[in-house]
Amino acid sequence: VRPIISDSEVNIIGGRHPVVESVIEGEYIDNDIVFNKDTNILIITGPNMSGKSTYMRQFGITAILNQIGCFVPANKCVIPIFDKIFTRIGASDDLVGGESTFMVEMKESANALKNATKNSLILFDELGRGTSTYDGMSLAGSIIEYISKNIKCKTMFSTHYHELTDLSDKLSDVKNVHVSALEQDGDITFLHKVMQGCVDKSYGINVAKLANLPEEVIQRANELLSI
């Protein structure tokens, strides 16, 4: 469709990732991306492999297609013009420069926080996972608060730190969404559909089972989880 340019509202209905859709064998599940005038930050939770990163990349690609004058893959698209797009998606390290994945992650985050304006787009995928749980969660929470209070730009922030979803109660411009999954008898089915609200678990052991880890490992992991 031909996008409609807005001041700040984002209302993408039935949006798709054109590259993923062209290479997968099954049906592509489209998703809506909605930021009303009072929402700047979407915190995205859901299992690994459920489609969180694809959902975020989809937004970035749609924004770029819009700004080079293309039609975009959606049923409806209302979107503003972004002056910059900052992304921190996927693991990467700098072997030549001697920097760890976490250091690269922090430098890219610093670049976004220093240079983004209220007209920018920030896409942060599982920020803070490269250090200890409490360090990572504290940094991620602080970064979300900083964006909310100082930058106020459209931001997608995916995380496995479910405690961060409480920020929606403290910050008026933060909203929770999650990528849904169905769990039955220890097996997981990814629905790839983004819904309102948050989830309270990551289904990591279910994903490990899908990867065919030894059954003894899976059983012991469940025992340790329940302690």
C-alpha atoms as a PDB file:
ATOM      1  CA  VAL A   1       0.000   0.000   0.000  1.00  0.00           C
ATOM      2  CA  ARG A   2       0.941   3.628  -0.293  1.00  0.00           C
ATOM      3  CA  PRO A   3       1.881   4.942   3.180  1.00  0.00           C
ATOM      4  CA  ILE A   4       0.155   7.923   4.776  1.00  0.00           C
ATOM      5  CA  ILE A   5       2.638  10.307   6.420  1.00  0.00           C
ATOM      6  CA  SER A   6       1.736  11.361   9.970  1.00  0.00           C
ATOM      7  CA  ASP A   7       3.262  13.724  12.545  1.00  0.00           C
ATOM      8  CA  SER A   8       3.987  11.055  15.164  1.00  0.00           C
ATOM      9  CA  GLU A   9       1.382   8.300  14.982  1.00  0.00           C
ATOM     10  CA  VAL A  10       2.327   4.802  13.788  1.00  0.00           C
ATOM     11  CA  ASN A  11      -0.556   2.601  12.653  1.00  0.00           C
ATOM     12  CA  ILE A  12       0.636  -0.285  10.482  1.00  0.00           C
ATOM     13  CA  ILE A  13      -2.091  -2.884   9.964  1.00  0.00           C
ATOM     14  CA  GLY A  14      -1.230  -6.312   8.575  1.00  0.00           C
ATOM     15  CA  GLY A  15       2.457  -5.453   8.217  1.00  0.00           C
ATOM     16  CA  ARG A  16       4.906  -8.006   6.830  1.00  0.00           C
ATOM     17  CA  HIS A  17       8.654  -8.530   6.474  1.00  0.00           C
ATOM     18  CA  PRO A  18       9.139  -8.720   2.678  1.00  0.00           C
ATOM     19  CA  VAL A  19      12.389 -10.727   2.794  1.00  0.00           C
ATOM     20  CA  VAL A  20      11.232 -13.312   5.336  1.00  0.00           C
ATOM     21  CA  GLU A  21       7.915 -13.689   3.545  1.00  0.00           C
ATOM     22  CA  SER A  22       9.680 -14.413   0.262  1.00  0.00           C
ATOM     23  CA  VAL A  23      11.907 -17.195   1.650  1.00  0.00           C
ATOM     24  CA  ILE A  24       9.716 -19.129   4.111  1.00  0.00           C
ATOM     25  CA  GLU A  25       7.772 -22.142   2.864  1.00  0.00           C
ATOM     26  CA  GLY A  26       4.705 -21.710   5.070  1.00  0.00           C
ATOM     27  CA  GLU A  27       2.238 -18.885   5.430  1.00  0.00           C
ATOM     28  CA  TYR A  28       3.633 -15.580   6.707  1.00  0.00           C
ATOM     29  CA  ILE A  29       1.734 -14.289   9.746  1.00  0.00           C
ATOM     30  CA  ASP A  30       1.269 -10.535   9.411  1.00  0.00           C
ATOM     31  CA  ASN A  31       1.237  -8.219  12.424  1.00  0.00           C
ATOM     32  CA  ASP A  32       0.101  -4.751  13.395  1.00  0.00           C
ATOM     33  CA  ILE A  33       2.509  -2.107  14.722  1.00  0.00           C
ATOM     34  CA  VAL A  34       0.655   0.591  16.624  1.00  0.00           C
ATOM     35  CA  PHE A  35       2.023   3.603  18.510  1.00  0.00           C
ATOM     36  CA  ASN A  36      -0.700   6.094  19.359  1.00  0.00           C
ATOM     37  CA  LYS A  37       0.144   9.728  20.214  1.00  0.00           C
ATOM     38  CA  ASP A  38       0.676   8.780  23.867  1.00  0.00           C
ATOM     39  CA  THR A  39       2.910   5.736  23.220  1.00  0.00           C
ATOM     40  CA  ASN A  40       6.630   6.001  22.478  1.00  0.00           C
ATOM     41  CA  ILE A  41       8.042   2.664  23.662  1.00  0.00           C
ATOM     42  CA  LEU A  42       6.877  -0.903  23.019  1.00  0.00           C
ATOM     43  CA  ILE A  43       8.418  -3.528  25.309  1.00  0.00           C
ATOM     44  CA  ILE A  44       8.222  -6.866  23.477  1.00  0.00           C
ATOM     45  CA  THR A  45       8.317 -10.193  25.317  1.00  0.00           C
ATOM     46  CA  GLY A  46       7.901 -13.763  24.058  1.00  0.00           C
ATOM     47  CA  PRO A  47       9.828 -17.006  23.511  1.00  0.00           C
ATOM     48  CA  ASN A  48      13.045 -17.331  21.553  1.00  0.00           C
ATOM     49  CA  MET A  49      12.298 -18.067  17.871  1.00  0.00           C
ATOM     50  CA  SER A  50       8.801 -16.611  18.240  1.00  0.00           C
ATOM     51  CA  GLY A  51       9.436 -13.691  15.891  1.00  0.00           C
ATOM     52  CA  LYS A  52      10.375 -10.726  18.112  1.00  0.00           C
ATOM     53  CA  SER A  53      13.409  -9.765  16.012  1.00  0.00           C
ATOM     54  CA  THR A  54      11.489 -10.172  12.743  1.00  0.00           C
ATOM     55  CA  TYR A  55       8.738  -7.913  14.108  1.00  0.00           C
ATOM     56  CA  MET A  56      11.297  -5.208  14.906  1.00  0.00           C
ATOM     57  CA  ARG A  57      13.177  -5.511  11.615  1.00  0.00           C
ATOM     58  CA  GLN A  58       9.840  -5.364   9.803  1.00  0.00           C
ATOM     59  CA  PHE A  59       9.243  -1.899  11.284  1.00  0.00           C
ATOM     60  CA  GLY A  60      12.707  -0.687  10.252  1.00  0.00           C
ATOM     61  CA  ILE A  61      12.325  -1.961   6.682  1.00  0.00           C
ATOM     62  CA  THR A  62       8.847  -0.430   6.377  1.00  0.00           C
ATOM     63  CA  ALA A  63      10.196   2.935   7.561  1.00  0.00           C
ATOM     64  CA  ILE A  64      13.045   2.845   5.032  1.00  0.00           C
ATOM     65  CA  LEU A  65      10.783   1.751   2.161  1.00  0.00           C
ATOM     66  CA  ASN A  66       8.458   4.626   2.996  1.00  0.00           C
ATOM     67  CA  GLN A  67      11.253   7.177   2.985  1.00  0.00           C
ATOM     68  CA  ILE A  68      12.694   6.094  -0.385  1.00  0.00           C
ATOM     69  CA  GLY A  69       9.256   6.508  -1.921  1.00  0.00           C
ATOM     70  CA  CYS A  70       8.166   2.873  -2.113  1.00  0.00           C
ATOM     71  CA  PHE A  71       4.895   1.197  -1.383  1.00  0.00           C
ATOM     72  CA  VAL A  72       5.148  -0.897   1.785  1.00  0.00           C
ATOM     73  CA  PRO A  73       4.090  -4.480   2.642  1.00  0.00           C
ATOM     74  CA  ALA A  74       0.970  -3.897   4.763  1.00  0.00           C
ATOM     75  CA  ASN A  75      -2.809  -3.574   4.498  1.00  0.00           C
ATOM     76  CA  LYS A  76      -2.632  -0.028   5.882  1.00  0.00           C
ATOM     77  CA  CYS A  77       0.325   2.133   6.900  1.00  0.00           C
ATOM     78  CA  VAL A  78       0.296   5.433   8.763  1.00  0.00           C
ATOM     79  CA  ILE A  79       3.872   6.374   9.648  1.00  0.00           C
ATOM     80  CA  PRO A  80       5.973   9.473  10.396  1.00  0.00           C
ATOM     81  CA  ILE A  81       9.261  10.483   8.783  1.00  0.00           C
ATOM     82  CA  PHE A  82      12.231   9.415  10.930  1.00  0.00           C
ATOM     83  CA  ASP A  83      15.420  11.482  10.922  1.00  0.00           C
ATOM     84  CA  LYS A  84      17.579   8.522  12.004  1.00  0.00           C
ATOM     85  CA  ILE A  85      17.153   4.798  12.677  1.00  0.00           C
ATOM     86  CA  PHE A  86      19.290   3.168  15.376  1.00  0.00           C
ATOM     87  CA  THR A  87      19.372  -0.611  15.697  1.00  0.00           C
ATOM     88  CA  ARG A  88      20.981  -3.059  18.098  1.00  0.00           C
ATOM     89  CA  ILE A  89      19.793  -6.386  16.757  1.00  0.00           C
ATOM     90  CA  GLY A  90      21.635  -9.701  16.778  1.00  0.00           C
ATOM     91  CA  ALA A  91      24.888 -10.783  18.450  1.00  0.00           C
ATOM     92  CA  SER A  92      28.103  -9.349  17.083  1.00  0.00           C
ATOM     93  CA  ASP A  93      31.587  -8.843  18.393  1.00  0.00           C
ATOM     94  CA  ASP A  94      34.699  -7.118  17.163  1.00  0.00           C
ATOM     95  CA  LEU A  95      37.363  -9.819  17.094  1.00  0.00           C
ATOM     96  CA  VAL A  96      39.943  -7.625  15.393  1.00  0.00           C
ATOM     97  CA  GLY A  97      39.357  -4.680  17.717  1.00  0.00           C
ATOM     98  CA  GLY A  98      39.280  -6.954  20.738  1.00  0.00           C
ATOM     99  CA  GLU A  99      35.816  -5.892  21.880  1.00  0.00           C
ATOM    100  CA  SER A 100      33.302  -8.332  23.308  1.00  0.00           C
ATOM    101  CA  THR A 101      29.709  -8.623  22.140  1.00  0.00           C
ATOM    102  CA  PHE A 102      28.631  -6.753  25.258  1.00  0.00           C
ATOM    103  CA  MET A 103      31.082  -3.883  24.663  1.00  0.00           C
ATOM    104  CA  VAL A 104      29.898  -3.510  21.072  1.00  0.00           C
ATOM    105  CA  GLU A 105      26.307  -3.590  22.340  1.00  0.00           C
ATOM    106  CA  MET A 106      27.004  -0.833  24.879  1.00  0.00           C
ATOM    107  CA  LYS A 107      28.828   1.353  22.318  1.00  0.00           C
ATOM    108  CA  GLU A 108      25.982   1.043  19.827  1.00  0.00           C
ATOM    109  CA  SER A 109      23.495   1.848  22.598  1.00  0.00           C
ATOM    110  CA  ALA A 110      25.530   4.885  23.645  1.00  0.00           C
ATOM    111  CA  ASN A 111      25.545   6.112  20.039  1.00  0.00           C
ATOM    112  CA  ALA A 112      21.758   5.854  19.896  1.00  0.00           C
ATOM    113  CA  LEU A 113      21.149   7.551  23.241  1.00  0.00           C
ATOM    114  CA  LYS A 114      23.506  10.451  22.424  1.00  0.00           C
ATOM    115  CA  ASN A 115      22.314  11.088  18.878  1.00  0.00           C
ATOM    116  CA  ALA A 116      18.618  10.178  18.744  1.00  0.00           C
ATOM    117  CA  THR A 117      15.999  12.918  18.667  1.00  0.00           C
ATOM    118  CA  LYS A 118      12.257  12.724  19.298  1.00  0.00           C
ATOM    119  CA  ASN A 119      11.897  12.099  15.547  1.00  0.00           C
ATOM    120  CA  SER A 120      14.198   9.053  15.510  1.00  0.00           C
ATOM    121  CA  LEU A 121      13.447   5.318  15.599  1.00  0.00           C
ATOM    122  CA  ILE A 122      15.286   3.003  18.019  1.00  0.00           C
ATOM    123  CA  LEU A 123      15.185  -0.804  17.718  1.00  0.00           C
ATOM    124  CA  PHE A 124      16.877  -2.560  20.661  1.00  0.00           C
ATOM    125  CA  ASP A 125      16.795  -6.368  20.672  1.00  0.00           C
ATOM    126  CA  GLU A 126      17.437  -8.031  24.055  1.00  0.00           C
ATOM    127  CA  LEU A 127      19.774  -5.300  25.241  1.00  0.00           C
ATOM    128  CA  GLY A 128      21.859  -6.198  28.299  1.00  0.00           C
ATOM    129  CA  ARG A 129      21.927  -9.962  27.836  1.00  0.00           C
ATOM    130  CA  GLY A 130      25.741 -10.049  27.541  1.00  0.00           C
ATOM    131  CA  THR A 131      26.356  -9.496  31.253  1.00  0.00           C
ATOM    132  CA  SER A 132      24.973 -10.829  34.533  1.00  0.00           C
ATOM    133  CA  THR A 133      21.200 -10.915  34.953  1.00  0.00           C
ATOM    134  CA  TYR A 134      21.020  -8.101  37.490  1.00  0.00           C
ATOM    135  CA  ASP A 135      23.516  -5.862  35.662  1.00  0.00           C
ATOM    136  CA  GLY A 136      21.756  -6.444  32.355  1.00  0.00           C
ATOM    137  CA  MET A 137      18.278  -5.897  33.729  1.00  0.00           C
ATOM    138  CA  SER A 138      19.331  -2.709  35.548  1.00  0.00           C
ATOM    139  CA  LEU A 139      20.992  -1.296  32.436  1.00  0.00           C
ATOM    140  CA  ALA A 140      18.026  -2.187  30.235  1.00  0.00           C
ATOM    141  CA  GLY A 141      15.557  -0.603  32.672  1.00  0.00           C
ATOM    142  CA  SER A 142      17.664   2.538  32.990  1.00  0.00           C
ATOM    143  CA  ILE A 143      17.944   2.870  29.193  1.00  0.00           C
ATOM    144  CA  ILE A 144      14.164   2.556  28.754  1.00  0.00           C
ATOM    145  CA  GLU A 145      13.617   5.220  31.432  1.00  0.00           C
ATOM    146  CA  TYR A 146      16.181   7.507  29.750  1.00  0.00           C
ATOM    147  CA  ILE A 147      14.484   7.207  26.351  1.00  0.00           C
ATOM    148  CA  SER A 148      11.077   7.856  27.945  1.00  0.00           C
ATOM    149  CA  LYS A 149      12.175  10.946  29.882  1.00  0.00           C
ATOM    150  CA  ASN A 150      14.805  12.533  27.642  1.00  0.00           C
ATOM    151  CA  ILE A 151      14.405  11.429  24.005  1.00  0.00           C
ATOM    152  CA  LYS A 152      10.719  10.482  23.643  1.00  0.00           C
ATOM    153  CA  CYS A 153      11.205   8.793  20.263  1.00  0.00           C
ATOM    154  CA  LYS A 154       9.500   5.709  18.872  1.00  0.00           C
ATOM    155  CA  THR A 155      11.297   2.691  20.334  1.00  0.00           C
ATOM    156  CA  MET A 156      10.923  -1.080  20.206  1.00  0.00           C
ATOM    157  CA  PHE A 157      12.682  -2.914  23.037  1.00  0.00           C
ATOM    158  CA  SER A 158      12.530  -6.712  23.139  1.00  0.00           C
ATOM    159  CA  THR A 159      13.597  -8.484  26.313  1.00  0.00           C
ATOM    160  CA  HIS A 160      13.589 -11.683  28.370  1.00  0.00           C
ATOM    161  CA  TYR A 161      13.793  -9.605  31.549  1.00  0.00           C
ATOM    162  CA  HIS A 162      10.102  -9.856  32.379  1.00  0.00           C
ATOM    163  CA  GLU A 163      10.550  -7.511  35.327  1.00  0.00           C
ATOM    164  CA  LEU A 164      10.931  -4.672  32.797  1.00  0.00           C
ATOM    165  CA  THR A 165       7.286  -4.987  31.814  1.00  0.00           C
ATOM    166  CA  ASP A 166       6.416  -3.303  35.137  1.00  0.00           C
ATOM    167  CA  LEU A 167       7.732  -0.057  33.610  1.00  0.00           C
ATOM    168  CA  SER A 168       4.404   0.336  31.807  1.00  0.00           C
ATOM    169  CA  ASP A 169       2.855   1.056  35.217  1.00  0.00           C
ATOM    170  CA  LYS A 170       5.420   3.790  35.968  1.00  0.00           C
ATOM    171  CA  LEU A 171       5.965   5.409  32.567  1.00  0.00           C
ATOM    172  CA  SER A 172       2.879   6.609  30.706  1.00  0.00           C
ATOM    173  CA  ASP A 173       4.426   6.278  27.228  1.00  0.00           C
ATOM    174  CA  VAL A 174       5.476   2.623  27.658  1.00  0.00           C
ATOM    175  CA  LYS A 175       3.246  -0.221  26.467  1.00  0.00           C
ATOM    176  CA  ASN A 176       3.708  -4.012  26.571  1.00  0.00           C
ATOM    177  CA  VAL A 177       3.141  -6.405  23.686  1.00  0.00           C
ATOM    178  CA  HIS A 178       4.120 -10.057  23.320  1.00  0.00           C
ATOM    179  CA  VAL A 179       4.558 -12.640  20.599  1.00  0.00           C
ATOM    180  CA  SER A 180       2.200 -15.477  21.435  1.00  0.00           C
ATOM    181  CA  ALA A 181       2.979 -19.178  21.761  1.00  0.00           C
ATOM    182  CA  LEU A 182       0.952 -22.222  22.709  1.00  0.00           C
ATOM    183  CA  GLU A 183       2.331 -24.696  25.265  1.00  0.00           C
ATOM    184  CA  GLN A 184       0.827 -28.188  25.529  1.00  0.00           C
ATOM    185  CA  ASP A 185       2.372 -31.102  27.438  1.00  0.00           C
ATOM    186  CA  GLY A 186       5.808 -29.484  27.401  1.00  0.00           C
ATOM    187  CA  ASP A 187       5.720 -28.865  23.642  1.00  0.00           C
ATOM    188  CA  ILE A 188       5.602 -25.362  22.226  1.00  0.00           C
ATOM    189  CA  THR A 189       3.945 -24.030  19.077  1.00  0.00           C
ATOM    190  CA  PHE A 190       4.956 -20.577  17.870  1.00  0.00           C
ATOM    191  CA  LEU A 191       1.930 -18.583  16.729  1.00  0.00           C
ATOM    192  CA  HIS A 192       4.005 -15.572  15.550  1.00  0.00           C
ATOM    193  CA  LYS A 193       1.119 -13.249  16.392  1.00  0.00           C
ATOM    194  CA  VAL A 194       1.784 -10.073  18.374  1.00  0.00           C
ATOM    195  CA  MET A 195      -0.777  -9.479  21.119  1.00  0.00           C
ATOM    196  CA  GLN A 196      -1.348  -6.827  23.790  1.00  0.00           C
ATOM    197  CA  GLY A 197       0.213  -7.311  27.233  1.00  0.00           C
ATOM    198  CA  CYS A 198       3.252  -9.304  28.349  1.00  0.00           C
ATOM    199  CA  VAL A 199       4.250 -12.908  29.038  1.00  0.00           C
ATOM    200  CA  ASP A 200       5.878 -14.039  32.270  1.00  0.00           C
ATOM    201  CA  LYS A 201       8.157 -16.809  30.959  1.00  0.00           C
ATOM    202  CA  SER A 202      10.561 -17.351  28.066  1.00  0.00           C
ATOM    203  CA  TYR A 203       9.966 -21.049  27.277  1.00  0.00           C
ATOM    204  CA  GLY A 204      13.724 -21.599  26.966  1.00  0.00           C
ATOM    205  CA  ILE A 205      13.533 -25.244  28.013  1.00  0.00           C
ATOM    206  CA  ASN A 206      10.750 -25.862  25.480  1.00  0.00           C
ATOM    207  CA  VAL A 207      12.967 -24.385  22.746  1.00  0.00           C
ATOM    208  CA  ALA A 208      15.888 -26.553  23.918  1.00  0.00           C
ATOM    209  CA  LYS A 209      13.598 -29.584  23.576  1.00  0.00           C
ATOM    210  CA  LEU A 210      12.807 -28.540  19.997  1.00  0.00           C
ATOM    211  CA  ALA A 211      16.568 -28.481  19.355  1.00  0.00           C
ATOM    212  CA  ASN A 212      16.706 -32.157  20.414  1.00  0.00           C
ATOM    213  CA  LEU A 213      18.891 -31.810  23.485  1.00  0.00           C
ATOM    214  CA  PRO A 214      19.139 -35.153  25.328  1.00  0.00           C
ATOM    215  CA  GLU A 215      15.954 -35.950  27.253  1.00  0.00           C
ATOM    216  CA  GLU A 216      17.988 -36.321  30.455  1.00  0.00           C
ATOM    217  CA  VAL A 217      19.197 -32.727  30.071  1.00  0.00           C
ATOM    218  CA  ILE A 218      15.657 -31.451  29.515  1.00  0.00           C
ATOM    219  CA  GLN A 219      14.294 -33.335  32.533  1.00  0.00           C
ATOM    220  CA  ARG A 220      17.116 -32.107  34.772  1.00  0.00           C
ATOM    221  CA  ALA A 221      16.629 -28.515  33.567  1.00  0.00           C
ATOM    222  CA  ASN A 222      12.951 -28.702  34.539  1.00  0.00           C
ATOM    223  CA  GLU A 223      13.939 -30.080  37.960  1.00  0.00           C
ATOM    224  CA  LEU A 224      16.440 -27.259  38.528  1.00  0.00           C
ATOM    225  CA  LEU A 225      13.872 -24.696  37.370  1.00  0.00           C
ATOM    226  CA  SER A 226      11.380 -25.911  39.961  1.00  0.00           C
ATOM    227  CA  ILE A 227      13.836 -25.709  42.890  1.00  0.00           C
END
